[in-house]
Amino acid sequence: MFEALGFSAPAFFGQLLLGIINGAFYALLSLGLSIIFGLLNIVNFTHGALYMIGAMVAWMLATYFGIGYWPALLIAPIFVCLFGIFLERVFIRHLYQLDHLYGLLLTFGLAMIIEGAFRNVYGVSGLSYSMPEMFQGSVNLGFMFLPLYRGWVVAVSIVVCLATWFVIERTSLGSNLRAATENPKLTEAFGINVPRLLTLTYGFGVGLAGFAGVLAAPIYSVSPTMGANLLIVVFAVVVIGGMGSILGSIVTGFALGIIEGLTKFFYPEAANIAVFLIMAIMLLIKPAGLFGRTS
């Protein structure tokens, strides 16, 4: 079919796979952003920097301590989570009752400081990070070769996204989180420590960014600037899916990754603007986003 239309089947499926992989990172990162905005009302511009820290921590563990990928997949997100808790306790918790603009400006400034600190030490050159041996190679699907590591990234991203959605939307913990943001005084009356709950929520949200950073390290070059450009696209994903919508972030992240990949195949010149064009159309048609709720 593809040959009859003048297209290459391997190239088509290769771009489709690339889109799905990018969509996995979009979904993970936008999920963390949506958790933080939906539950804490903070527009978190440090997310790209914390994604970068996850990748950099994995690289440093391997380079300086000989600690491989699998321990790093646990250690790096925990480190990012703890660092995020520090930021929340020292800076961000003072902004919960203020306008969104204050949180945006603060987190943007923190992101610049974090990125600048890493750039001063490591420069802007990409640093290589090896993938685990068990995922080296690929499997023949008949119509294309699927790199094992990329398949792992997509699979684990889907599992983490769905597990997070289930916890927040279908468990008592998620109910407590939503109650703590909507009516903190009443929630505290039931014996729930609201400040601690909000702090852990922020830590978990940025921990997802750290987790995505470790997943990305073997695919992309590890660099202090790796989160800056990606964050712009992720914010577009959040807007399209609906600010604060957990399900919207997951579905839209994967969908836009696929659309971006197919655009690179059919019309490469428009690949860099496809996501933003969709965002502009969405803002005109439904400003609240696909899964967002109008106030």
C-alpha atoms as a PDB file:
ATOM      1  CA  MET A   1       0.000   0.000   0.000  1.00  0.00           C
ATOM      2  CA  PHE A   2       2.742   2.448   0.961  1.00  0.00           C
ATOM      3  CA  GLU A   3       4.777   1.613  -2.146  1.00  0.00           C
ATOM      4  CA  ALA A   4       1.722   2.258  -4.327  1.00  0.00           C
ATOM      5  CA  LEU A   5       1.389   5.711  -2.776  1.00  0.00           C
ATOM      6  CA  GLY A   6       5.087   6.405  -3.191  1.00  0.00           C
ATOM      7  CA  PHE A   7       5.901   6.067   0.530  1.00  0.00           C
ATOM      8  CA  SER A   8       8.385   3.842   2.318  1.00  0.00           C
ATOM      9  CA  ALA A   9       6.790   1.515   4.878  1.00  0.00           C
ATOM     10  CA  PRO A  10       9.902   1.296   7.119  1.00  0.00           C
ATOM     11  CA  ALA A  11      10.174   5.099   7.135  1.00  0.00           C
ATOM     12  CA  PHE A  12       6.488   5.453   7.992  1.00  0.00           C
ATOM     13  CA  PHE A  13       6.601   3.031  10.899  1.00  0.00           C
ATOM     14  CA  GLY A  14       9.928   4.466  12.034  1.00  0.00           C
ATOM     15  CA  GLN A  15       8.416   7.929  12.325  1.00  0.00           C
ATOM     16  CA  LEU A  16       5.319   6.466  13.982  1.00  0.00           C
ATOM     17  CA  LEU A  17       7.523   4.758  16.578  1.00  0.00           C
ATOM     18  CA  LEU A  18       9.466   7.972  17.126  1.00  0.00           C
ATOM     19  CA  GLY A  19       6.176   9.785  17.672  1.00  0.00           C
ATOM     20  CA  ILE A  20       5.012   7.210  20.213  1.00  0.00           C
ATOM     21  CA  ILE A  21       8.321   7.476  22.096  1.00  0.00           C
ATOM     22  CA  ASN A  22       8.130  11.270  22.159  1.00  0.00           C
ATOM     23  CA  GLY A  23       4.501  10.929  23.227  1.00  0.00           C
ATOM     24  CA  ALA A  24       5.561   8.769  26.169  1.00  0.00           C
ATOM     25  CA  PHE A  25       7.817  11.564  27.446  1.00  0.00           C
ATOM     26  CA  TYR A  26       5.162  14.191  26.744  1.00  0.00           C
ATOM     27  CA  ALA A  27       2.648  12.145  28.739  1.00  0.00           C
ATOM     28  CA  LEU A  28       4.952  11.585  31.723  1.00  0.00           C
ATOM     29  CA  LEU A  29       6.037  15.208  31.931  1.00  0.00           C
ATOM     30  CA  SER A  30       2.603  16.716  31.328  1.00  0.00           C
ATOM     31  CA  LEU A  31       1.180  14.309  33.897  1.00  0.00           C
ATOM     32  CA  GLY A  32       3.471  15.750  36.563  1.00  0.00           C
ATOM     33  CA  LEU A  33       2.600  19.284  35.474  1.00  0.00           C
ATOM     34  CA  SER A  34      -1.112  18.535  35.615  1.00  0.00           C
ATOM     35  CA  ILE A  35      -0.850  17.021  39.092  1.00  0.00           C
ATOM     36  CA  ILE A  36       0.961  20.092  40.394  1.00  0.00           C
ATOM     37  CA  PHE A  37      -1.355  22.578  38.693  1.00  0.00           C
ATOM     38  CA  GLY A  38      -4.575  20.669  39.258  1.00  0.00           C
ATOM     39  CA  LEU A  39      -3.945  20.009  42.949  1.00  0.00           C
ATOM     40  CA  LEU A  40      -1.655  22.893  43.964  1.00  0.00           C
ATOM     41  CA  ASN A  41      -2.567  25.608  41.415  1.00  0.00           C
ATOM     42  CA  ILE A  42       1.120  26.177  40.607  1.00  0.00           C
ATOM     43  CA  VAL A  43       2.335  26.616  37.014  1.00  0.00           C
ATOM     44  CA  ASN A  44       5.599  24.738  37.513  1.00  0.00           C
ATOM     45  CA  PHE A  45       8.278  26.023  35.141  1.00  0.00           C
ATOM     46  CA  THR A  46      10.979  24.092  37.002  1.00  0.00           C
ATOM     47  CA  HIS A  47       9.654  20.864  35.483  1.00  0.00           C
ATOM     48  CA  GLY A  48      12.071  20.882  32.537  1.00  0.00           C
ATOM     49  CA  ALA A  49      15.031  21.552  34.834  1.00  0.00           C
ATOM     50  CA  LEU A  50      14.003  18.720  37.169  1.00  0.00           C
ATOM     51  CA  TYR A  51      13.619  16.386  34.173  1.00  0.00           C
ATOM     52  CA  MET A  52      17.201  17.343  33.274  1.00  0.00           C
ATOM     53  CA  ILE A  53      18.358  16.700  36.856  1.00  0.00           C
ATOM     54  CA  GLY A  54      16.922  13.166  36.670  1.00  0.00           C
ATOM     55  CA  ALA A  55      19.012  12.438  33.582  1.00  0.00           C
ATOM     56  CA  MET A  56      22.094  14.163  35.002  1.00  0.00           C
ATOM     57  CA  VAL A  57      21.865  12.247  38.287  1.00  0.00           C
ATOM     58  CA  ALA A  58      21.675   8.964  36.357  1.00  0.00           C
ATOM     59  CA  TRP A  59      24.744   9.988  34.344  1.00  0.00           C
ATOM     60  CA  MET A  60      26.670  11.047  37.467  1.00  0.00           C
ATOM     61  CA  LEU A  61      25.800   7.812  39.268  1.00  0.00           C
ATOM     62  CA  ALA A  62      27.212   5.824  36.342  1.00  0.00           C
ATOM     63  CA  THR A  63      30.258   8.060  35.764  1.00  0.00           C
ATOM     64  CA  TYR A  64      31.404   8.739  39.322  1.00  0.00           C
ATOM     65  CA  PHE A  65      30.082   5.742  41.273  1.00  0.00           C
ATOM     66  CA  GLY A  66      29.670   2.986  38.696  1.00  0.00           C
ATOM     67  CA  ILE A  67      25.957   2.668  39.524  1.00  0.00           C
ATOM     68  CA  GLY A  68      24.026   1.340  36.555  1.00  0.00           C
ATOM     69  CA  TYR A  69      20.676   2.037  34.947  1.00  0.00           C
ATOM     70  CA  TRP A  70      18.350  -0.011  37.157  1.00  0.00           C
ATOM     71  CA  PRO A  71      19.427   1.462  40.523  1.00  0.00           C
ATOM     72  CA  ALA A  72      19.458   4.907  38.883  1.00  0.00           C
ATOM     73  CA  LEU A  73      15.869   4.413  37.767  1.00  0.00           C
ATOM     74  CA  LEU A  74      14.963   4.377  41.466  1.00  0.00           C
ATOM     75  CA  ILE A  75      17.624   6.665  42.969  1.00  0.00           C
ATOM     76  CA  ALA A  76      17.347   9.586  40.527  1.00  0.00           C
ATOM     77  CA  PRO A  77      13.546  10.087  40.832  1.00  0.00           C
ATOM     78  CA  ILE A  78      13.826   9.897  44.626  1.00  0.00           C
ATOM     79  CA  PHE A  79      16.594  12.518  44.555  1.00  0.00           C
ATOM     80  CA  VAL A  80      14.482  14.768  42.322  1.00  0.00           C
ATOM     81  CA  CYS A  81      11.484  14.199  44.588  1.00  0.00           C
ATOM     82  CA  LEU A  82      13.483  15.227  47.678  1.00  0.00           C
ATOM     83  CA  PHE A  83      14.899  18.247  45.883  1.00  0.00           C
ATOM     84  CA  GLY A  84      11.375  19.190  44.823  1.00  0.00           C
ATOM     85  CA  ILE A  85      10.195  18.874  48.436  1.00  0.00           C
ATOM     86  CA  PHE A  86      12.993  21.248  49.444  1.00  0.00           C
ATOM     87  CA  LEU A  87      11.877  23.770  46.800  1.00  0.00           C
ATOM     88  CA  GLU A  88       8.256  23.457  47.881  1.00  0.00           C
ATOM     89  CA  ARG A  89       9.003  23.958  51.574  1.00  0.00           C
ATOM     90  CA  VAL A  90      11.381  26.883  51.089  1.00  0.00           C
ATOM     91  CA  PHE A  91       9.776  28.747  48.180  1.00  0.00           C
ATOM     92  CA  ILE A  92       6.600  27.432  46.600  1.00  0.00           C
ATOM     93  CA  ARG A  93       4.327  26.836  49.588  1.00  0.00           C
ATOM     94  CA  HIS A  94       4.137  30.594  50.175  1.00  0.00           C
ATOM     95  CA  LEU A  95       2.405  31.110  46.810  1.00  0.00           C
ATOM     96  CA  TYR A  96      -0.583  28.760  47.049  1.00  0.00           C
ATOM     97  CA  GLN A  97      -3.050  31.548  47.843  1.00  0.00           C
ATOM     98  CA  LEU A  98      -1.608  34.027  45.359  1.00  0.00           C
ATOM     99  CA  ASP A  99      -2.217  34.598  41.666  1.00  0.00           C
ATOM    100  CA  HIS A 100      -0.802  31.999  39.227  1.00  0.00           C
ATOM    101  CA  LEU A 101       1.571  34.628  37.852  1.00  0.00           C
ATOM    102  CA  TYR A 102       3.652  34.632  41.039  1.00  0.00           C
ATOM    103  CA  GLY A 103       4.186  30.886  40.882  1.00  0.00           C
ATOM    104  CA  LEU A 104       5.053  31.084  37.191  1.00  0.00           C
ATOM    105  CA  LEU A 105       7.665  33.800  37.771  1.00  0.00           C
ATOM    106  CA  LEU A 106       9.193  32.061  40.783  1.00  0.00           C
ATOM    107  CA  THR A 107       9.473  28.641  39.155  1.00  0.00           C
ATOM    108  CA  PHE A 108      10.806  30.198  35.934  1.00  0.00           C
ATOM    109  CA  GLY A 109      13.531  31.909  37.938  1.00  0.00           C
ATOM    110  CA  LEU A 110      14.364  28.708  39.807  1.00  0.00           C
ATOM    111  CA  ALA A 111      14.585  26.840  36.496  1.00  0.00           C
ATOM    112  CA  MET A 112      17.062  29.403  35.148  1.00  0.00           C
ATOM    113  CA  ILE A 113      19.195  29.106  38.300  1.00  0.00           C
ATOM    114  CA  ILE A 114      19.221  25.293  38.203  1.00  0.00           C
ATOM    115  CA  GLU A 115      20.012  25.103  34.493  1.00  0.00           C
ATOM    116  CA  GLY A 116      22.684  27.790  34.789  1.00  0.00           C
ATOM    117  CA  ALA A 117      24.383  25.964  37.665  1.00  0.00           C
ATOM    118  CA  PHE A 118      24.643  22.738  35.643  1.00  0.00           C
ATOM    119  CA  ARG A 119      25.789  24.616  32.538  1.00  0.00           C
ATOM    120  CA  ASN A 120      28.625  26.225  34.485  1.00  0.00           C
ATOM    121  CA  VAL A 121      29.861  22.812  35.610  1.00  0.00           C
ATOM    122  CA  TYR A 122      29.169  20.586  32.581  1.00  0.00           C
ATOM    123  CA  GLY A 123      28.783  23.001  29.665  1.00  0.00           C
ATOM    124  CA  VAL A 124      26.194  22.431  26.955  1.00  0.00           C
ATOM    125  CA  SER A 125      27.718  19.421  25.181  1.00  0.00           C
ATOM    126  CA  GLY A 126      25.743  16.200  25.229  1.00  0.00           C
ATOM    127  CA  LEU A 127      26.909  13.435  27.553  1.00  0.00           C
ATOM    128  CA  SER A 128      26.434   9.789  26.551  1.00  0.00           C
ATOM    129  CA  TYR A 129      24.643   7.315  28.808  1.00  0.00           C
ATOM    130  CA  SER A 130      24.553   3.596  28.050  1.00  0.00           C
ATOM    131  CA  MET A 131      21.338   1.648  27.987  1.00  0.00           C
ATOM    132  CA  PRO A 132      21.091  -1.622  29.947  1.00  0.00           C
ATOM    133  CA  GLU A 133      22.506  -4.653  28.143  1.00  0.00           C
ATOM    134  CA  MET A 134      19.217  -6.552  28.218  1.00  0.00           C
ATOM    135  CA  PHE A 135      17.620  -3.863  26.033  1.00  0.00           C
ATOM    136  CA  GLN A 136      20.378  -3.628  23.453  1.00  0.00           C
ATOM    137  CA  GLY A 137      19.283  -4.814  20.034  1.00  0.00           C
ATOM    138  CA  SER A 138      15.877  -4.969  18.409  1.00  0.00           C
ATOM    139  CA  VAL A 139      13.070  -7.345  17.525  1.00  0.00           C
ATOM    140  CA  ASN A 140      11.720  -7.929  14.008  1.00  0.00           C
ATOM    141  CA  LEU A 141       7.987  -7.184  13.876  1.00  0.00           C
ATOM    142  CA  GLY A 142       7.756  -8.026  10.191  1.00  0.00           C
ATOM    143  CA  PHE A 143       7.042  -4.498   9.015  1.00  0.00           C
ATOM    144  CA  MET A 144       9.844  -2.877  11.062  1.00  0.00           C
ATOM    145  CA  PHE A 145      12.558  -3.484  13.630  1.00  0.00           C
ATOM    146  CA  LEU A 146      11.570  -2.345  17.121  1.00  0.00           C
ATOM    147  CA  PRO A 147      14.506  -1.309  19.344  1.00  0.00           C
ATOM    148  CA  LEU A 148      14.011  -3.095  22.646  1.00  0.00           C
ATOM    149  CA  TYR A 149      14.815  -0.096  24.813  1.00  0.00           C
ATOM    150  CA  ARG A 150      12.329   2.123  23.039  1.00  0.00           C
ATOM    151  CA  GLY A 151       9.679  -0.527  23.470  1.00  0.00           C
ATOM    152  CA  TRP A 152      10.492  -0.617  27.192  1.00  0.00           C
ATOM    153  CA  VAL A 153      10.160   3.167  27.447  1.00  0.00           C
ATOM    154  CA  VAL A 154       6.705   3.143  25.886  1.00  0.00           C
ATOM    155  CA  ALA A 155       5.511   0.209  28.009  1.00  0.00           C
ATOM    156  CA  VAL A 156       6.726   1.535  31.366  1.00  0.00           C
ATOM    157  CA  SER A 157       5.417   5.035  30.567  1.00  0.00           C
ATOM    158  CA  ILE A 158       1.926   3.677  29.930  1.00  0.00           C
ATOM    159  CA  VAL A 159       1.998   1.656  33.168  1.00  0.00           C
ATOM    160  CA  VAL A 160       3.210   4.612  35.269  1.00  0.00           C
ATOM    161  CA  CYS A 161       0.684   7.000  33.714  1.00  0.00           C
ATOM    162  CA  LEU A 162      -2.284   4.674  34.230  1.00  0.00           C
ATOM    163  CA  ALA A 163      -1.200   3.789  37.777  1.00  0.00           C
ATOM    164  CA  THR A 164      -0.934   7.488  38.646  1.00  0.00           C
ATOM    165  CA  TRP A 165      -4.363   8.217  37.167  1.00  0.00           C
ATOM    166  CA  PHE A 166      -5.881   5.333  39.138  1.00  0.00           C
ATOM    167  CA  VAL A 167      -4.367   6.484  42.441  1.00  0.00           C
ATOM    168  CA  ILE A 168      -5.506  10.076  42.046  1.00  0.00           C
ATOM    169  CA  GLU A 169      -8.942   9.438  40.573  1.00  0.00           C
ATOM    170  CA  ARG A 170     -10.005   6.143  42.137  1.00  0.00           C
ATOM    171  CA  THR A 171      -8.495   5.894  45.631  1.00  0.00           C
ATOM    172  CA  SER A 172      -9.073   7.538  48.996  1.00  0.00           C
ATOM    173  CA  LEU A 173      -5.614   9.107  48.803  1.00  0.00           C
ATOM    174  CA  GLY A 174      -6.613  10.913  45.641  1.00  0.00           C
ATOM    175  CA  SER A 175      -9.851  12.022  47.289  1.00  0.00           C
ATOM    176  CA  ASN A 176      -7.876  13.445  50.214  1.00  0.00           C
ATOM    177  CA  LEU A 177      -5.586  15.304  47.822  1.00  0.00           C
ATOM    178  CA  ARG A 178      -8.486  16.922  45.997  1.00  0.00           C
ATOM    179  CA  ALA A 179     -10.205  17.765  49.270  1.00  0.00           C
ATOM    180  CA  ALA A 180      -7.017  19.315  50.648  1.00  0.00           C
ATOM    181  CA  THR A 181      -6.811  21.731  47.724  1.00  0.00           C
ATOM    182  CA  GLU A 182     -10.517  22.560  47.518  1.00  0.00           C
ATOM    183  CA  ASN A 183     -11.194  22.999  51.250  1.00  0.00           C
ATOM    184  CA  PRO A 184      -8.008  22.730  53.331  1.00  0.00           C
ATOM    185  CA  LYS A 185      -9.560  23.845  56.629  1.00  0.00           C
ATOM    186  CA  LEU A 186     -12.327  21.246  56.486  1.00  0.00           C
ATOM    187  CA  THR A 187      -9.819  18.577  55.478  1.00  0.00           C
ATOM    188  CA  GLU A 188      -7.592  19.427  58.440  1.00  0.00           C
ATOM    189  CA  ALA A 189     -10.641  19.069  60.691  1.00  0.00           C
ATOM    190  CA  PHE A 190     -10.675  15.378  59.758  1.00  0.00           C
ATOM    191  CA  GLY A 191      -7.126  14.984  61.082  1.00  0.00           C
ATOM    192  CA  ILE A 192      -5.329  15.153  57.733  1.00  0.00           C
ATOM    193  CA  ASN A 193      -2.024  17.029  57.637  1.00  0.00           C
ATOM    194  CA  VAL A 194      -2.730  19.239  54.614  1.00  0.00           C
ATOM    195  CA  PRO A 195       0.688  20.987  54.328  1.00  0.00           C
ATOM    196  CA  ARG A 196       2.476  17.625  54.371  1.00  0.00           C
ATOM    197  CA  LEU A 197       0.040  16.250  51.787  1.00  0.00           C
ATOM    198  CA  LEU A 198       0.648  19.193  49.461  1.00  0.00           C
ATOM    199  CA  THR A 199       4.408  18.895  49.891  1.00  0.00           C
ATOM    200  CA  LEU A 200       4.360  15.194  49.012  1.00  0.00           C
ATOM    201  CA  THR A 201       2.113  15.920  46.035  1.00  0.00           C
ATOM    202  CA  TYR A 202       4.619  18.391  44.639  1.00  0.00           C
ATOM    203  CA  GLY A 203       7.450  15.950  45.320  1.00  0.00           C
ATOM    204  CA  PHE A 204       5.638  13.161  43.487  1.00  0.00           C
ATOM    205  CA  GLY A 205       4.834  15.414  40.525  1.00  0.00           C
ATOM    206  CA  VAL A 206       8.451  16.419  40.022  1.00  0.00           C
ATOM    207  CA  GLY A 207       9.570  12.847  40.761  1.00  0.00           C
ATOM    208  CA  LEU A 208       7.728  11.835  37.583  1.00  0.00           C
ATOM    209  CA  ALA A 209       9.880  14.360  35.717  1.00  0.00           C
ATOM    210  CA  GLY A 210      13.018  12.808  37.232  1.00  0.00           C
ATOM    211  CA  PHE A 211      11.806   9.345  36.219  1.00  0.00           C
ATOM    212  CA  ALA A 212      11.258  10.550  32.649  1.00  0.00           C
ATOM    213  CA  GLY A 213      14.774  12.009  32.669  1.00  0.00           C
ATOM    214  CA  VAL A 214      16.332   8.645  33.496  1.00  0.00           C
ATOM    215  CA  LEU A 215      14.272   6.971  30.759  1.00  0.00           C
ATOM    216  CA  ALA A 216      15.416   9.616  28.281  1.00  0.00           C
ATOM    217  CA  ALA A 217      19.134   9.454  29.165  1.00  0.00           C
ATOM    218  CA  PRO A 218      20.021   6.451  26.924  1.00  0.00           C
ATOM    219  CA  ILE A 219      17.976   7.839  23.997  1.00  0.00           C
ATOM    220  CA  TYR A 220      18.879  11.519  23.963  1.00  0.00           C
ATOM    221  CA  SER A 221      22.113  13.234  24.873  1.00  0.00           C
ATOM    222  CA  VAL A 222      22.244  14.140  28.558  1.00  0.00           C
ATOM    223  CA  SER A 223      22.660  17.906  28.677  1.00  0.00           C
ATOM    224  CA  PRO A 224      21.859  20.784  31.059  1.00  0.00           C
ATOM    225  CA  THR A 225      19.640  22.261  28.323  1.00  0.00           C
ATOM    226  CA  MET A 226      17.722  19.089  27.472  1.00  0.00           C
ATOM    227  CA  GLY A 227      14.600  20.103  29.384  1.00  0.00           C
ATOM    228  CA  ALA A 228      14.247  23.688  28.151  1.00  0.00           C
ATOM    229  CA  ASN A 229      12.885  23.096  24.633  1.00  0.00           C
ATOM    230  CA  LEU A 230      10.883  20.035  25.655  1.00  0.00           C
ATOM    231  CA  LEU A 231       9.064  21.992  28.363  1.00  0.00           C
ATOM    232  CA  ILE A 232       7.494  24.328  25.796  1.00  0.00           C
ATOM    233  CA  VAL A 233       5.919  21.397  23.968  1.00  0.00           C
ATOM    234  CA  VAL A 234       4.810  19.805  27.251  1.00  0.00           C
ATOM    235  CA  PHE A 235       3.014  22.966  28.305  1.00  0.00           C
ATOM    236  CA  ALA A 236       1.230  22.919  24.942  1.00  0.00           C
ATOM    237  CA  VAL A 237       0.190  19.323  25.670  1.00  0.00           C
ATOM    238  CA  VAL A 238      -1.199  20.370  29.055  1.00  0.00           C
ATOM    239  CA  VAL A 239      -3.165  23.231  27.506  1.00  0.00           C
ATOM    240  CA  ILE A 240      -4.640  21.011  24.800  1.00  0.00           C
ATOM    241  CA  GLY A 241      -5.526  18.219  27.220  1.00  0.00           C
ATOM    242  CA  GLY A 242      -6.952  20.618  29.791  1.00  0.00           C
ATOM    243  CA  MET A 243      -5.056  22.343  32.592  1.00  0.00           C
ATOM    244  CA  GLY A 244      -5.075  20.073  35.617  1.00  0.00           C
ATOM    245  CA  SER A 245      -6.634  17.099  33.807  1.00  0.00           C
ATOM    246  CA  ILE A 246      -4.762  13.877  34.591  1.00  0.00           C
ATOM    247  CA  LEU A 247      -6.448  11.832  31.869  1.00  0.00           C
ATOM    248  CA  GLY A 248      -6.117  14.715  29.419  1.00  0.00           C
ATOM    249  CA  SER A 249      -2.353  14.834  29.895  1.00  0.00           C
ATOM    250  CA  ILE A 250      -1.936  11.114  29.280  1.00  0.00           C
ATOM    251  CA  VAL A 251      -4.171  10.860  26.210  1.00  0.00           C
ATOM    252  CA  THR A 252      -3.030  14.138  24.666  1.00  0.00           C
ATOM    253  CA  GLY A 253       0.651  13.433  25.318  1.00  0.00           C
ATOM    254  CA  PHE A 254       0.626  10.191  23.354  1.00  0.00           C
ATOM    255  CA  ALA A 255      -1.740  11.540  20.680  1.00  0.00           C
ATOM    256  CA  LEU A 256       0.346  14.638  19.975  1.00  0.00           C
ATOM    257  CA  GLY A 257       3.526  12.585  19.898  1.00  0.00           C
ATOM    258  CA  ILE A 258       1.999  10.384  17.209  1.00  0.00           C
ATOM    259  CA  ILE A 259       0.700  13.398  15.269  1.00  0.00           C
ATOM    260  CA  GLU A 260       4.127  15.011  15.439  1.00  0.00           C
ATOM    261  CA  GLY A 261       5.794  11.816  14.211  1.00  0.00           C
ATOM    262  CA  LEU A 262       3.386  11.387  11.287  1.00  0.00           C
ATOM    263  CA  THR A 263       3.756  15.044  10.365  1.00  0.00           C
ATOM    264  CA  LYS A 264       7.510  14.503  10.073  1.00  0.00           C
ATOM    265  CA  PHE A 265       6.768  11.725   7.585  1.00  0.00           C
ATOM    266  CA  PHE A 266       4.085  13.367   5.445  1.00  0.00           C
ATOM    267  CA  TYR A 267       5.055  17.045   5.723  1.00  0.00           C
ATOM    268  CA  PRO A 268       8.371  17.518   7.566  1.00  0.00           C
ATOM    269  CA  GLU A 269       8.326  21.304   7.194  1.00  0.00           C
ATOM    270  CA  ALA A 270       5.323  21.539   9.526  1.00  0.00           C
ATOM    271  CA  ALA A 271       6.597  19.111  12.192  1.00  0.00           C
ATOM    272  CA  ASN A 272       7.943  21.811  14.501  1.00  0.00           C
ATOM    273  CA  ILE A 273       4.711  23.807  14.522  1.00  0.00           C
ATOM    274  CA  ALA A 274       2.091  21.026  14.419  1.00  0.00           C
ATOM    275  CA  VAL A 275       1.627  20.861  18.199  1.00  0.00           C
ATOM    276  CA  PHE A 276       1.376  24.635  18.556  1.00  0.00           C
ATOM    277  CA  LEU A 277      -1.049  24.898  15.651  1.00  0.00           C
ATOM    278  CA  ILE A 278      -3.286  22.337  17.353  1.00  0.00           C
ATOM    279  CA  MET A 279      -2.984  24.312  20.593  1.00  0.00           C
ATOM    280  CA  ALA A 280      -4.038  27.537  18.865  1.00  0.00           C
ATOM    281  CA  ILE A 281      -7.059  25.831  17.307  1.00  0.00           C
ATOM    282  CA  MET A 282      -8.000  24.272  20.642  1.00  0.00           C
ATOM    283  CA  LEU A 283      -7.820  27.622  22.423  1.00  0.00           C
ATOM    284  CA  LEU A 284     -10.192  29.069  19.821  1.00  0.00           C
ATOM    285  CA  ILE A 285     -12.665  26.170  19.900  1.00  0.00           C
ATOM    286  CA  LYS A 286     -12.485  24.962  23.504  1.00  0.00           C
ATOM    287  CA  PRO A 287     -10.239  27.094  25.736  1.00  0.00           C
ATOM    288  CA  ALA A 288     -10.624  24.670  28.662  1.00  0.00           C
ATOM    289  CA  GLY A 289      -8.970  21.880  26.624  1.00  0.00           C
ATOM    290  CA  LEU A 290     -10.199  18.454  25.556  1.00  0.00           C
ATOM    291  CA  PHE A 291     -10.686  17.116  29.076  1.00  0.00           C
ATOM    292  CA  GLY A 292     -10.717  20.399  30.977  1.00  0.00           C
ATOM    293  CA  ARG A 293     -13.659  21.708  32.947  1.00  0.00           C
ATOM    294  CA  THR A 294     -15.045  25.149  32.300  1.00  0.00           C
ATOM    295  CA  SER A 295     -15.339  27.253  35.443  1.00  0.00           C
END
